[in-house]
């Protein structure tokens, strides 16, 4: 893997929180915040906040933005790369 194009600020952002790493791991497949909350054993509010933050960083994408309830999120290519680097699997 080439380290030239890695967004190291994003890597640092993700590595500052174990929950962000866990969330990215769980978002490899389309997932709703409620499913994420259950899987990670955190509140729905916290899971939704993590999704908003990861979305704003360009690490995940929303597949059905028009819905207010039942939104599905999954990793972007950037998110996949950042996750790989963040869990030290080069």
PDB file of N, CA and C in Angstrom:
ATOM      1  N   UNK A   1       0.850  -1.184   0.000  1.00  0.00           N
ATOM      2  CA  UNK A   1       0.000   0.000   0.000  1.00  0.00           C
ATOM      3  C   UNK A   1       0.887   1.236   0.000  1.00  0.00           C
ATOM      4  N   UNK A   2       0.588   2.146  -0.834  1.00  0.00           N
ATOM      5  CA  UNK A   2       1.322   3.395  -0.906  1.00  0.00           C
ATOM      6  C   UNK A   2       0.872   4.341   0.198  1.00  0.00           C
ATOM      7  N   UNK A   3       1.833   4.909   0.925  1.00  0.00           N
ATOM      8  CA  UNK A   3       1.491   5.839   2.001  1.00  0.00           C
ATOM      9  C   UNK A   3       1.413   7.271   1.497  1.00  0.00           C
ATOM     10  N   UNK A   4       1.702   7.489   0.234  1.00  0.00           N
ATOM     11  CA  UNK A   4       1.721   8.851  -0.320  1.00  0.00           C
ATOM     12  C   UNK A   4       0.329   9.467  -0.333  1.00  0.00           C
ATOM     13  N   UNK A   5      -0.703   8.710  -0.675  1.00  0.00           N
ATOM     14  CA  UNK A   5      -2.047   9.265  -0.825  1.00  0.00           C
ATOM     15  C   UNK A   5      -2.957   9.056   0.388  1.00  0.00           C
ATOM     16  N   UNK A   6      -2.419   8.610   1.489  1.00  0.00           N
ATOM     17  CA  UNK A   6      -3.241   8.378   2.679  1.00  0.00           C
ATOM     18  C   UNK A   6      -3.535   9.707   3.363  1.00  0.00           C
ATOM     19  N   UNK A   7      -4.780   9.899   3.745  1.00  0.00           N
ATOM     20  CA  UNK A   7      -5.197  11.095   4.485  1.00  0.00           C
ATOM     21  C   UNK A   7      -4.898  10.860   5.961  1.00  0.00           C
ATOM     22  N   UNK A   8      -3.713  11.274   6.391  1.00  0.00           N
ATOM     23  CA  UNK A   8      -3.271  10.995   7.758  1.00  0.00           C
ATOM     24  C   UNK A   8      -4.093  11.733   8.795  1.00  0.00           C
ATOM     25  N   UNK A   9      -4.661  12.882   8.437  1.00  0.00           N
ATOM     26  CA  UNK A   9      -5.549  13.574   9.376  1.00  0.00           C
ATOM     27  C   UNK A   9      -6.785  12.724   9.653  1.00  0.00           C
ATOM     28  N   UNK A  10      -7.330  12.094   8.623  1.00  0.00           N
ATOM     29  CA  UNK A  10      -8.488  11.215   8.789  1.00  0.00           C
ATOM     30  C   UNK A  10      -8.117   9.981   9.609  1.00  0.00           C
ATOM     31  N   UNK A  11      -6.916   9.457   9.402  1.00  0.00           N
ATOM     32  CA  UNK A  11      -6.460   8.303  10.183  1.00  0.00           C
ATOM     33  C   UNK A  11      -6.400   8.681  11.658  1.00  0.00           C
ATOM     34  N   UNK A  12      -5.829   9.840  11.957  1.00  0.00           N
ATOM     35  CA  UNK A  12      -5.750  10.301  13.339  1.00  0.00           C
ATOM     36  C   UNK A  12      -7.120  10.517  13.945  1.00  0.00           C
ATOM     37  N   UNK A  13      -8.026  11.082  13.150  1.00  0.00           N
ATOM     38  CA  UNK A  13      -9.398  11.319  13.604  1.00  0.00           C
ATOM     39  C   UNK A  13     -10.074  10.002  13.991  1.00  0.00           C
ATOM     40  N   UNK A  14      -9.933   8.995  13.167  1.00  0.00           N
ATOM     41  CA  UNK A  14     -10.558   7.694  13.424  1.00  0.00           C
ATOM     42  C   UNK A  14      -9.903   7.003  14.612  1.00  0.00           C
ATOM     43  N   UNK A  15      -8.571   7.032  14.680  1.00  0.00           N
ATOM     44  CA  UNK A  15      -7.861   6.317  15.743  1.00  0.00           C
ATOM     45  C   UNK A  15      -8.074   6.931  17.120  1.00  0.00           C
ATOM     46  N   UNK A  16      -8.558   8.177  17.185  1.00  0.00           N
ATOM     47  CA  UNK A  16      -8.821   8.808  18.485  1.00  0.00           C
ATOM     48  C   UNK A  16     -10.010   8.191  19.193  1.00  0.00           C
ATOM     49  N   UNK A  17     -10.802   7.390  18.501  1.00  0.00           N
ATOM     50  CA  UNK A  17     -12.012   6.826  19.097  1.00  0.00           C
ATOM     51  C   UNK A  17     -12.172   5.365  18.699  1.00  0.00           C
ATOM     52  N   UNK A  18     -12.197   4.491  19.703  1.00  0.00           N
ATOM     53  CA  UNK A  18     -12.426   3.066  19.427  1.00  0.00           C
ATOM     54  C   UNK A  18     -13.798   2.864  18.783  1.00  0.00           C
ATOM     55  N   UNK A  19     -14.762   3.697  19.163  1.00  0.00           N
ATOM     56  CA  UNK A  19     -16.101   3.564  18.584  1.00  0.00           C
ATOM     57  C   UNK A  19     -16.108   3.901  17.100  1.00  0.00           C
ATOM     58  N   UNK A  20     -15.280   4.839  16.667  1.00  0.00           N
ATOM     59  CA  UNK A  20     -15.216   5.145  15.226  1.00  0.00           C
ATOM     60  C   UNK A  20     -14.648   3.961  14.461  1.00  0.00           C
ATOM     61  N   UNK A  21     -13.621   3.334  15.015  1.00  0.00           N
ATOM     62  CA  UNK A  21     -13.037   2.161  14.356  1.00  0.00           C
ATOM     63  C   UNK A  21     -14.066   1.033  14.304  1.00  0.00           C
ATOM     64  N   UNK A  22     -14.750   0.779  15.424  1.00  0.00           N
ATOM     65  CA  UNK A  22     -15.773  -0.267  15.458  1.00  0.00           C
ATOM     66  C   UNK A  22     -16.887   0.029  14.456  1.00  0.00           C
ATOM     67  N   UNK A  23     -17.295   1.296  14.393  1.00  0.00           N
ATOM     68  CA  UNK A  23     -18.371   1.673  13.466  1.00  0.00           C
ATOM     69  C   UNK A  23     -17.941   1.427  12.028  1.00  0.00           C
ATOM     70  N   UNK A  24     -16.745   1.856  11.672  1.00  0.00           N
ATOM     71  CA  UNK A  24     -16.274   1.628  10.304  1.00  0.00           C
ATOM     72  C   UNK A  24     -16.235   0.135   9.993  1.00  0.00           C
ATOM     73  N   UNK A  25     -15.794  -0.654  10.943  1.00  0.00           N
ATOM     74  CA  UNK A  25     -15.767  -2.109  10.762  1.00  0.00           C
ATOM     75  C   UNK A  25     -17.154  -2.666  10.494  1.00  0.00           C
ATOM     76  N   UNK A  26     -18.159  -2.121  11.179  1.00  0.00           N
ATOM     77  CA  UNK A  26     -19.536  -2.599  11.026  1.00  0.00           C
ATOM     78  C   UNK A  26     -20.222  -2.039   9.789  1.00  0.00           C
ATOM     79  N   UNK A  27     -19.647  -1.014   9.186  1.00  0.00           N
ATOM     80  CA  UNK A  27     -20.279  -0.375   8.027  1.00  0.00           C
ATOM     81  C   UNK A  27     -19.713  -0.866   6.700  1.00  0.00           C
ATOM     82  N   UNK A  28     -19.104  -2.026   6.702  1.00  0.00           N
ATOM     83  CA  UNK A  28     -18.615  -2.613   5.450  1.00  0.00           C
ATOM     84  C   UNK A  28     -19.789  -2.985   4.550  1.00  0.00           C
ATOM     85  N   UNK A  29     -20.907  -3.314   5.175  1.00  0.00           N
ATOM     86  CA  UNK A  29     -22.157  -3.612   4.463  1.00  0.00           C
ATOM     87  C   UNK A  29     -23.171  -2.536   4.834  1.00  0.00           C
ATOM     88  N   UNK A  30     -24.159  -2.259   3.982  1.00  0.00           N
ATOM     89  CA  UNK A  30     -25.176  -1.250   4.321  1.00  0.00           C
ATOM     90  C   UNK A  30     -25.820  -1.540   5.678  1.00  0.00           C
ATOM     91  N   UNK A  31     -25.793  -0.529   6.545  1.00  0.00           N
ATOM     92  CA  UNK A  31     -26.246  -0.680   7.925  1.00  0.00           C
ATOM     93  C   UNK A  31     -26.986   0.564   8.377  1.00  0.00           C
ATOM     94  N   UNK A  32     -28.056   0.371   9.156  1.00  0.00           N
ATOM     95  CA  UNK A  32     -28.781   1.493   9.747  1.00  0.00           C
ATOM     96  C   UNK A  32     -28.157   1.837  11.096  1.00  0.00           C
ATOM     97  N   UNK A  33     -28.250   3.102  11.531  1.00  0.00           N
ATOM     98  CA  UNK A  33     -27.727   3.470  12.844  1.00  0.00           C
ATOM     99  C   UNK A  33     -28.298   2.609  13.977  1.00  0.00           C
ATOM    100  N   UNK A  34     -29.568   2.202  13.880  1.00  0.00           N
ATOM    101  CA  UNK A  34     -30.156   1.354  14.924  1.00  0.00           C
ATOM    102  C   UNK A  34     -29.449  -0.001  14.993  1.00  0.00           C
ATOM    103  N   UNK A  35     -29.083  -0.556  13.847  1.00  0.00           N
ATOM    104  CA  UNK A  35     -28.346  -1.820  13.814  1.00  0.00           C
ATOM    105  C   UNK A  35     -26.935  -1.630  14.374  1.00  0.00           C
ATOM    106  N   UNK A  36     -26.346  -0.508  14.019  1.00  0.00           N
ATOM    107  CA  UNK A  36     -25.013  -0.176  14.517  1.00  0.00           C
ATOM    108  C   UNK A  36     -25.027  -0.047  16.037  1.00  0.00           C
ATOM    109  N   UNK A  37     -26.035   0.636  16.572  1.00  0.00           N
ATOM    110  CA  UNK A  37     -26.165   0.817  18.021  1.00  0.00           C
ATOM    111  C   UNK A  37     -26.278  -0.532  18.728  1.00  0.00           C
ATOM    112  N   UNK A  38     -27.098  -1.400  18.175  1.00  0.00           N
ATOM    113  CA  UNK A  38     -27.289  -2.722  18.784  1.00  0.00           C
ATOM    114  C   UNK A  38     -26.000  -3.530  18.751  1.00  0.00           C
ATOM    115  N   UNK A  39     -25.339  -3.527  17.608  1.00  0.00           N
ATOM    116  CA  UNK A  39     -24.099  -4.291  17.440  1.00  0.00           C
ATOM    117  C   UNK A  39     -22.987  -3.782  18.359  1.00  0.00           C
ATOM    118  N   UNK A  40     -22.903  -2.458  18.504  1.00  0.00           N
ATOM    119  CA  UNK A  40     -21.830  -1.856  19.303  1.00  0.00           C
ATOM    120  C   UNK A  40     -22.209  -1.685  20.775  1.00  0.00           C
ATOM    121  N   UNK A  41     -23.479  -1.970  21.101  1.00  0.00           N
ATOM    122  CA  UNK A  41     -23.987  -1.803  22.470  1.00  0.00           C
ATOM    123  C   UNK A  41     -23.831  -0.362  22.954  1.00  0.00           C
ATOM    124  N   UNK A  42     -24.273   0.569  22.098  1.00  0.00           N
ATOM    125  CA  UNK A  42     -24.290   1.991  22.437  1.00  0.00           C
ATOM    126  C   UNK A  42     -25.691   2.520  22.143  1.00  0.00           C
ATOM    127  N   UNK A  43     -25.971   3.741  22.574  1.00  0.00           N
ATOM    128  CA  UNK A  43     -27.293   4.311  22.340  1.00  0.00           C
ATOM    129  C   UNK A  43     -27.478   4.652  20.862  1.00  0.00           C
ATOM    130  N   UNK A  44     -28.723   4.697  20.438  1.00  0.00           N
ATOM    131  CA  UNK A  44     -29.039   5.088  19.065  1.00  0.00           C
ATOM    132  C   UNK A  44     -28.558   6.511  18.799  1.00  0.00           C
ATOM    133  N   UNK A  45     -28.697   7.391  19.778  1.00  0.00           N
ATOM    134  CA  UNK A  45     -28.237   8.774  19.631  1.00  0.00           C
ATOM    135  C   UNK A  45     -26.741   8.813  19.350  1.00  0.00           C
ATOM    136  N   UNK A  46     -25.977   8.025  20.092  1.00  0.00           N
ATOM    137  CA  UNK A  46     -24.530   7.995  19.897  1.00  0.00           C
ATOM    138  C   UNK A  46     -24.175   7.394  18.536  1.00  0.00           C
ATOM    139  N   UNK A  47     -24.861   6.331  18.147  1.00  0.00           N
ATOM    140  CA  UNK A  47     -24.600   5.706  16.845  1.00  0.00           C
ATOM    141  C   UNK A  47     -24.910   6.685  15.707  1.00  0.00           C
ATOM    142  N   UNK A  48     -26.004   7.421  15.842  1.00  0.00           N
ATOM    143  CA  UNK A  48     -26.367   8.405  14.816  1.00  0.00           C
ATOM    144  C   UNK A  48     -25.329   9.514  14.733  1.00  0.00           C
ATOM    145  N   UNK A  49     -24.817   9.939  15.885  1.00  0.00           N
ATOM    146  CA  UNK A  49     -23.786  10.976  15.919  1.00  0.00           C
ATOM    147  C   UNK A  49     -22.511  10.485  15.233  1.00  0.00           C
ATOM    148  N   UNK A  50     -22.120   9.257  15.520  1.00  0.00           N
ATOM    149  CA  UNK A  50     -20.932   8.691  14.879  1.00  0.00           C
ATOM    150  C   UNK A  50     -21.121   8.648  13.368  1.00  0.00           C
ATOM    151  N   UNK A  51     -22.307   8.238  12.912  1.00  0.00           N
ATOM    152  CA  UNK A  51     -22.584   8.195  11.471  1.00  0.00           C
ATOM    153  C   UNK A  51     -22.480   9.585  10.852  1.00  0.00           C
ATOM    154  N   UNK A  52     -23.058  10.585  11.516  1.00  0.00           N
ATOM    155  CA  UNK A  52     -22.975  11.962  10.999  1.00  0.00           C
ATOM    156  C   UNK A  52     -21.522  12.421  10.885  1.00  0.00           C
ATOM    157  N   UNK A  53     -20.730  12.135  11.905  1.00  0.00           N
ATOM    158  CA  UNK A  53     -19.325  12.545  11.908  1.00  0.00           C
ATOM    159  C   UNK A  53     -18.535  11.843  10.802  1.00  0.00           C
ATOM    160  N   UNK A  54     -18.711  10.534  10.680  1.00  0.00           N
ATOM    161  CA  UNK A  54     -17.996   9.778   9.651  1.00  0.00           C
ATOM    162  C   UNK A  54     -18.439  10.213   8.253  1.00  0.00           C
ATOM    163  N   UNK A  55     -19.718  10.527   8.115  1.00  0.00           N
ATOM    164  CA  UNK A  55     -20.254  11.017   6.841  1.00  0.00           C
ATOM    165  C   UNK A  55     -19.610  12.351   6.482  1.00  0.00           C
ATOM    166  N   UNK A  56     -19.496  13.242   7.467  1.00  0.00           N
ATOM    167  CA  UNK A  56     -18.925  14.573   7.200  1.00  0.00           C
ATOM    168  C   UNK A  56     -17.447  14.482   6.837  1.00  0.00           C
ATOM    169  N   UNK A  57     -16.769  13.426   7.260  1.00  0.00           N
ATOM    170  CA  UNK A  57     -15.363  13.209   6.924  1.00  0.00           C
ATOM    171  C   UNK A  57     -15.196  12.494   5.582  1.00  0.00           C
ATOM    172  N   UNK A  58     -16.314  12.083   4.964  1.00  0.00           N
ATOM    173  CA  UNK A  58     -16.255  11.376   3.685  1.00  0.00           C
ATOM    174  C   UNK A  58     -15.860   9.914   3.815  1.00  0.00           C
ATOM    175  N   UNK A  59     -16.004   9.360   5.026  1.00  0.00           N
ATOM    176  CA  UNK A  59     -15.605   7.975   5.251  1.00  0.00           C
ATOM    177  C   UNK A  59     -16.738   6.989   5.030  1.00  0.00           C
ATOM    178  N   UNK A  60     -17.973   7.473   5.141  1.00  0.00           N
ATOM    179  CA  UNK A  60     -19.138   6.646   4.827  1.00  0.00           C
ATOM    180  C   UNK A  60     -20.076   7.456   3.941  1.00  0.00           C
ATOM    181  N   UNK A  61     -20.980   6.750   3.278  1.00  0.00           N
ATOM    182  CA  UNK A  61     -21.973   7.408   2.436  1.00  0.00           C
ATOM    183  C   UNK A  61     -23.357   6.929   2.844  1.00  0.00           C
ATOM    184  N   UNK A  62     -24.343   7.805   2.634  1.00  0.00           N
ATOM    185  CA  UNK A  62     -25.729   7.449   2.891  1.00  0.00           C
ATOM    186  C   UNK A  62     -26.338   6.990   1.575  1.00  0.00           C
ATOM    187  N   UNK A  63     -26.953   5.829   1.590  1.00  0.00           N
ATOM    188  CA  UNK A  63     -27.495   5.243   0.369  1.00  0.00           C
ATOM    189  C   UNK A  63     -28.915   5.702   0.064  1.00  0.00           C
ATOM    190  N   UNK A  64     -29.600   6.270   1.059  1.00  0.00           N
ATOM    191  CA  UNK A  64     -30.997   6.695   0.874  1.00  0.00           C
ATOM    192  C   UNK A  64     -31.270   7.984   1.661  1.00  0.00           C
ATOM    193  N   UNK A  65     -30.609   9.054   1.260  1.00  0.00           N
ATOM    194  CA  UNK A  65     -30.648  10.317   2.002  1.00  0.00           C
ATOM    195  C   UNK A  65     -32.033  10.941   2.129  1.00  0.00           C
ATOM    196  N   UNK A  66     -32.949  10.623   1.248  1.00  0.00           N
ATOM    197  CA  UNK A  66     -34.274  11.239   1.303  1.00  0.00           C
ATOM    198  C   UNK A  66     -35.092  10.758   2.498  1.00  0.00           C
ATOM    199  N   UNK A  67     -34.756   9.592   3.017  1.00  0.00           N
ATOM    200  CA  UNK A  67     -35.481   9.063   4.177  1.00  0.00           C
ATOM    201  C   UNK A  67     -34.993   9.730   5.460  1.00  0.00           C
ATOM    202  N   UNK A  68     -35.913   9.994   6.366  1.00  0.00           N
ATOM    203  CA  UNK A  68     -35.553  10.517   7.679  1.00  0.00           C
ATOM    204  C   UNK A  68     -35.301   9.373   8.657  1.00  0.00           C
ATOM    205  N   UNK A  69     -36.019   8.269   8.470  1.00  0.00           N
ATOM    206  CA  UNK A  69     -35.878   7.089   9.324  1.00  0.00           C
ATOM    207  C   UNK A  69     -35.490   5.914   8.429  1.00  0.00           C
ATOM    208  N   UNK A  70     -34.559   5.109   8.895  1.00  0.00           N
ATOM    209  CA  UNK A  70     -34.151   3.932   8.129  1.00  0.00           C
ATOM    210  C   UNK A  70     -33.043   4.207   7.136  1.00  0.00           C
ATOM    211  N   UNK A  71     -32.248   5.230   7.399  1.00  0.00           N
ATOM    212  CA  UNK A  71     -31.126   5.510   6.498  1.00  0.00           C
ATOM    213  C   UNK A  71     -30.100   4.396   6.573  1.00  0.00           C
ATOM    214  N   UNK A  72     -29.527   4.086   5.425  1.00  0.00           N
ATOM    215  CA  UNK A  72     -28.500   3.056   5.308  1.00  0.00           C
ATOM    216  C   UNK A  72     -27.167   3.709   4.977  1.00  0.00           C
ATOM    217  N   UNK A  73     -26.139   3.311   5.703  1.00  0.00           N
ATOM    218  CA  UNK A  73     -24.794   3.837   5.488  1.00  0.00           C
ATOM    219  C   UNK A  73     -23.851   2.700   5.163  1.00  0.00           C
ATOM    220  N   UNK A  74     -22.801   3.023   4.391  1.00  0.00           N
ATOM    221  CA  UNK A  74     -21.733   2.056   4.132  1.00  0.00           C
ATOM    222  C   UNK A  74     -20.434   2.813   3.890  1.00  0.00           C
ATOM    223  N   UNK A  75     -19.334   2.086   3.968  1.00  0.00           N
ATOM    224  CA  UNK A  75     -18.017   2.681   3.763  1.00  0.00           C
ATOM    225  C   UNK A  75     -17.850   3.208   2.349  1.00  0.00           C
ATOM    226  N   UNK A  76     -17.109   4.298   2.230  1.00  0.00           N
ATOM    227  CA  UNK A  76     -16.648   4.771   0.927  1.00  0.00           C
ATOM    228  C   UNK A  76     -15.276   4.140   0.681  1.00  0.00           C
ATOM    229  N   UNK A  77     -14.731   4.338  -0.486  1.00  0.00           N
ATOM    230  CA  UNK A  77     -13.372   3.845  -0.768  1.00  0.00           C
ATOM    231  C   UNK A  77     -12.382   4.469   0.204  1.00  0.00           C
ATOM    232  N   UNK A  78     -12.558   5.767   0.467  1.00  0.00           N
ATOM    233  CA  UNK A  78     -11.689   6.455   1.426  1.00  0.00           C
ATOM    234  C   UNK A  78     -11.841   5.818   2.804  1.00  0.00           C
ATOM    235  N   UNK A  79     -13.063   5.518   3.207  1.00  0.00           N
ATOM    236  CA  UNK A  79     -13.306   4.885   4.498  1.00  0.00           C
ATOM    237  C   UNK A  79     -12.638   3.532   4.611  1.00  0.00           C
ATOM    238  N   UNK A  80     -12.688   2.753   3.523  1.00  0.00           N
ATOM    239  CA  UNK A  80     -12.036   1.441   3.513  1.00  0.00           C
ATOM    240  C   UNK A  80     -10.537   1.586   3.728  1.00  0.00           C
ATOM    241  N   UNK A  81      -9.948   2.553   3.035  1.00  0.00           N
ATOM    242  CA  UNK A  81      -8.503   2.783   3.147  1.00  0.00           C
ATOM    243  C   UNK A  81      -8.129   3.245   4.558  1.00  0.00           C
ATOM    244  N   UNK A  82      -8.899   4.185   5.095  1.00  0.00           N
ATOM    245  CA  UNK A  82      -8.620   4.710   6.431  1.00  0.00           C
ATOM    246  C   UNK A  82      -8.785   3.611   7.477  1.00  0.00           C
ATOM    247  N   UNK A  83      -9.795   2.774   7.337  1.00  0.00           N
ATOM    248  CA  UNK A  83      -9.991   1.657   8.268  1.00  0.00           C
ATOM    249  C   UNK A  83      -8.803   0.711   8.221  1.00  0.00           C
ATOM    250  N   UNK A  84      -8.368   0.367   7.018  1.00  0.00           N
ATOM    251  CA  UNK A  84      -7.225  -0.540   6.859  1.00  0.00           C
ATOM    252  C   UNK A  84      -5.996   0.011   7.584  1.00  0.00           C
ATOM    253  N   UNK A  85      -5.714   1.282   7.388  1.00  0.00           N
ATOM    254  CA  UNK A  85      -4.543   1.898   8.016  1.00  0.00           C
ATOM    255  C   UNK A  85      -4.735   2.012   9.524  1.00  0.00           C
ATOM    256  N   UNK A  86      -5.962   2.345   9.954  1.00  0.00           N
ATOM    257  CA  UNK A  86      -6.236   2.565  11.371  1.00  0.00           C
ATOM    258  C   UNK A  86      -6.120   1.300  12.202  1.00  0.00           C
ATOM    259  N   UNK A  87      -6.387   0.156  11.594  1.00  0.00           N
ATOM    260  CA  UNK A  87      -6.257  -1.096  12.357  1.00  0.00           C
ATOM    261  C   UNK A  87      -4.934  -1.800  12.024  1.00  0.00           C
ATOM    262  N   UNK A  88      -4.039  -1.046  11.401  1.00  0.00           N
ATOM    263  CA  UNK A  88      -2.662  -1.497  11.134  1.00  0.00           C
ATOM    264  C   UNK A  88      -2.572  -2.741  10.277  1.00  0.00           C
ATOM    265  N   UNK A  89      -3.459  -2.865   9.307  1.00  0.00           N
ATOM    266  CA  UNK A  89      -3.380  -3.982   8.362  1.00  0.00           C
ATOM    267  C   UNK A  89      -2.938  -3.415   7.024  1.00  0.00           C
ATOM    268  N   UNK A  90      -1.638  -3.298   6.845  1.00  0.00           N
ATOM    269  CA  UNK A  90      -1.105  -2.699   5.627  1.00  0.00           C
ATOM    270  C   UNK A  90      -1.050  -3.715   4.527  1.00  0.00           C
TER     271      UNK A  90
END
